[in-house]
Amino acid sequence: MAGWKIARLEVVAKGFAEDFRWEAGVLRYQQTFSATSTALPAQAAPESVQGWAPIDDVPPLRQR
């Protein structure tokens, strides 16, 4: 466990990220938008994640 890292996914506007799974070294998940009855597949390779941070760090609030 000492080698594990945690990443936060960007907030899905008015939706949810769910059904997380690892396949061939890639994190795959579903983006679900209930208001529009839309579900989109998404993925992230660990080497593409920039700015790894400790799990206890609070993400900055986004300005609209």
N, C-alpha and C. Protein backbone atom coordinates (compact mmCIF):
# COMPACT_ATOMS: atom_id res chain seq x y z
N MET A 1 0.81 -1.20 0.00
CA MET A 1 0.00 0.00 0.00
C MET A 1 0.85 1.27 0.00
N ALA A 2 2.07 1.21 0.48
CA ALA A 2 2.90 2.40 0.56
C ALA A 2 3.15 3.00 -0.82
N GLY A 3 3.12 2.18 -1.87
CA GLY A 3 3.36 2.67 -3.22
C GLY A 3 2.13 3.21 -3.91
N TRP A 4 0.98 3.10 -3.29
CA TRP A 4 -0.26 3.57 -3.92
C TRP A 4 -0.33 5.09 -3.91
N LYS A 5 -0.94 5.64 -4.91
CA LYS A 5 -1.19 7.08 -4.97
C LYS A 5 -2.67 7.27 -5.23
N ILE A 6 -3.18 8.38 -4.79
CA ILE A 6 -4.60 8.70 -4.95
C ILE A 6 -4.70 9.94 -5.83
N ALA A 7 -5.62 9.93 -6.75
CA ALA A 7 -5.86 11.11 -7.59
C ALA A 7 -7.33 11.47 -7.51
N ARG A 8 -7.60 12.73 -7.59
CA ARG A 8 -8.99 13.18 -7.66
C ARG A 8 -9.32 13.42 -9.12
N LEU A 9 -10.46 12.96 -9.52
CA LEU A 9 -10.93 13.26 -10.86
C LEU A 9 -11.59 14.63 -10.84
N GLU A 10 -11.52 15.32 -11.95
CA GLU A 10 -12.19 16.61 -12.03
C GLU A 10 -13.69 16.40 -11.80
N VAL A 11 -14.31 17.34 -11.16
CA VAL A 11 -15.74 17.24 -10.86
C VAL A 11 -16.52 17.15 -12.16
N VAL A 12 -17.46 16.20 -12.21
CA VAL A 12 -18.34 16.07 -13.37
C VAL A 12 -19.52 17.01 -13.13
N ALA A 13 -19.64 18.03 -13.96
CA ALA A 13 -20.68 19.04 -13.77
C ALA A 13 -22.07 18.40 -13.84
N LYS A 14 -22.83 18.53 -12.75
CA LYS A 14 -24.20 18.02 -12.67
C LYS A 14 -24.30 16.55 -13.02
N GLY A 15 -23.29 15.79 -12.60
CA GLY A 15 -23.30 14.36 -12.89
C GLY A 15 -22.47 13.60 -11.87
N PHE A 16 -22.26 12.33 -12.16
CA PHE A 16 -21.53 11.46 -11.25
C PHE A 16 -20.49 10.66 -12.03
N ALA A 17 -19.40 10.33 -11.36
CA ALA A 17 -18.43 9.38 -11.90
C ALA A 17 -18.62 8.11 -11.09
N GLU A 18 -18.78 6.97 -11.77
CA GLU A 18 -19.05 5.72 -11.07
C GLU A 18 -18.54 4.54 -11.87
N ASP A 19 -18.70 3.35 -11.34
CA ASP A 19 -18.30 2.11 -11.98
C ASP A 19 -16.81 2.12 -12.33
N PHE A 20 -15.95 2.40 -11.34
CA PHE A 20 -14.51 2.45 -11.55
C PHE A 20 -13.93 1.05 -11.66
N ARG A 21 -13.02 0.84 -12.61
CA ARG A 21 -12.35 -0.45 -12.76
C ARG A 21 -11.02 -0.26 -13.48
N TRP A 22 -10.08 -1.14 -13.18
CA TRP A 22 -8.78 -1.15 -13.86
C TRP A 22 -8.83 -2.17 -14.98
N GLU A 23 -8.41 -1.78 -16.17
CA GLU A 23 -8.31 -2.69 -17.30
C GLU A 23 -7.01 -2.37 -18.04
N ALA A 24 -6.12 -3.33 -18.09
CA ALA A 24 -4.84 -3.17 -18.81
C ALA A 24 -4.09 -1.92 -18.38
N GLY A 25 -4.07 -1.64 -17.08
CA GLY A 25 -3.33 -0.50 -16.55
C GLY A 25 -3.98 0.86 -16.75
N VAL A 26 -5.25 0.87 -17.14
CA VAL A 26 -5.99 2.12 -17.37
C VAL A 26 -7.21 2.13 -16.46
N LEU A 27 -7.44 3.25 -15.78
CA LEU A 27 -8.63 3.42 -14.95
C LEU A 27 -9.79 3.79 -15.87
N ARG A 28 -10.80 2.96 -15.89
CA ARG A 28 -11.98 3.22 -16.71
C ARG A 28 -13.17 3.46 -15.77
N TYR A 29 -14.03 4.39 -16.16
CA TYR A 29 -15.19 4.72 -15.34
C TYR A 29 -16.30 5.28 -16.22
N GLN A 30 -17.44 5.44 -15.64
CA GLN A 30 -18.63 5.94 -16.36
C GLN A 30 -18.97 7.32 -15.82
N GLN A 31 -19.23 8.27 -16.71
CA GLN A 31 -19.75 9.58 -16.33
C GLN A 31 -21.24 9.54 -16.59
N THR A 32 -22.05 9.76 -15.54
CA THR A 32 -23.50 9.66 -15.65
C THR A 32 -24.13 11.01 -15.37
N PHE A 33 -24.98 11.45 -16.28
CA PHE A 33 -25.70 12.72 -16.16
C PHE A 33 -27.18 12.40 -16.12
N SER A 34 -27.75 12.32 -14.94
CA SER A 34 -29.15 11.91 -14.78
C SER A 34 -30.13 12.88 -15.43
N ALA A 35 -29.86 14.18 -15.36
CA ALA A 35 -30.79 15.17 -15.89
C ALA A 35 -31.01 15.00 -17.40
N THR A 36 -30.00 14.51 -18.10
CA THR A 36 -30.13 14.34 -19.55
C THR A 36 -30.16 12.87 -19.95
N SER A 37 -30.24 11.98 -18.96
CA SER A 37 -30.26 10.53 -19.21
C SER A 37 -29.09 10.11 -20.10
N THR A 38 -27.92 10.65 -19.81
CA THR A 38 -26.73 10.38 -20.60
C THR A 38 -25.67 9.68 -19.75
N ALA A 39 -25.01 8.68 -20.33
CA ALA A 39 -23.89 8.01 -19.68
C ALA A 39 -22.76 7.92 -20.69
N LEU A 40 -21.57 8.36 -20.29
CA LEU A 40 -20.43 8.36 -21.19
C LEU A 40 -19.27 7.59 -20.57
N PRO A 41 -18.60 6.75 -21.35
CA PRO A 41 -17.42 6.09 -20.83
C PRO A 41 -16.26 7.08 -20.77
N ALA A 42 -15.38 6.91 -19.79
CA ALA A 42 -14.21 7.77 -19.65
C ALA A 42 -13.04 6.91 -19.19
N GLN A 43 -11.83 7.41 -19.35
CA GLN A 43 -10.66 6.66 -18.92
C GLN A 43 -9.52 7.61 -18.58
N ALA A 44 -8.58 7.11 -17.78
CA ALA A 44 -7.39 7.87 -17.41
C ALA A 44 -6.24 6.90 -17.20
N ALA A 45 -5.14 7.13 -17.89
CA ALA A 45 -3.94 6.34 -17.68
C ALA A 45 -3.13 7.00 -16.56
N PRO A 46 -2.57 6.24 -15.63
CA PRO A 46 -1.84 6.84 -14.50
C PRO A 46 -0.75 7.81 -14.94
N GLU A 47 -0.05 7.53 -16.03
CA GLU A 47 1.03 8.42 -16.46
C GLU A 47 0.51 9.74 -17.02
N SER A 48 -0.78 9.84 -17.34
CA SER A 48 -1.34 11.08 -17.85
C SER A 48 -1.80 12.02 -16.74
N VAL A 49 -1.87 11.51 -15.51
CA VAL A 49 -2.32 12.34 -14.39
C VAL A 49 -1.17 13.25 -13.96
N GLN A 50 -1.45 14.54 -13.88
CA GLN A 50 -0.45 15.52 -13.46
C GLN A 50 -0.85 16.08 -12.11
N GLY A 51 0.10 16.44 -11.30
CA GLY A 51 -0.19 17.10 -10.04
C GLY A 51 -0.73 16.17 -8.97
N TRP A 52 -0.10 15.00 -8.80
CA TRP A 52 -0.52 14.09 -7.73
C TRP A 52 -0.48 14.84 -6.41
N ALA A 53 -1.44 14.60 -5.55
CA ALA A 53 -1.53 15.29 -4.26
C ALA A 53 -1.97 14.30 -3.19
N PRO A 54 -1.59 14.57 -1.94
CA PRO A 54 -2.06 13.72 -0.85
C PRO A 54 -3.58 13.76 -0.76
N ILE A 55 -4.17 12.68 -0.30
CA ILE A 55 -5.62 12.56 -0.21
C ILE A 55 -6.24 13.61 0.72
N ASP A 56 -5.46 14.08 1.70
CA ASP A 56 -5.98 15.04 2.67
C ASP A 56 -5.97 16.48 2.16
N ASP A 57 -5.36 16.75 1.01
CA ASP A 57 -5.36 18.10 0.46
C ASP A 57 -6.77 18.46 0.00
N VAL A 58 -7.16 19.68 0.25
CA VAL A 58 -8.49 20.15 -0.16
C VAL A 58 -8.35 20.76 -1.56
N PRO A 59 -9.13 20.28 -2.53
CA PRO A 59 -9.03 20.86 -3.88
C PRO A 59 -9.53 22.30 -3.88
N PRO A 60 -8.95 23.15 -4.73
CA PRO A 60 -9.40 24.55 -4.78
C PRO A 60 -10.80 24.65 -5.34
N LEU A 61 -11.54 25.65 -4.90
CA LEU A 61 -12.88 25.89 -5.44
C LEU A 61 -12.75 26.53 -6.81
N ARG A 62 -13.59 26.09 -7.72
CA ARG A 62 -13.55 26.67 -9.07
C ARG A 62 -14.44 27.89 -9.13
N GLN A 63 -13.95 28.92 -9.81
CA GLN A 63 -14.74 30.13 -9.99
C GLN A 63 -15.59 29.98 -11.25
N ARG A 64 -16.80 30.43 -11.19
CA ARG A 64 -17.69 30.35 -12.36
C ARG A 64 -17.79 31.68 -13.03
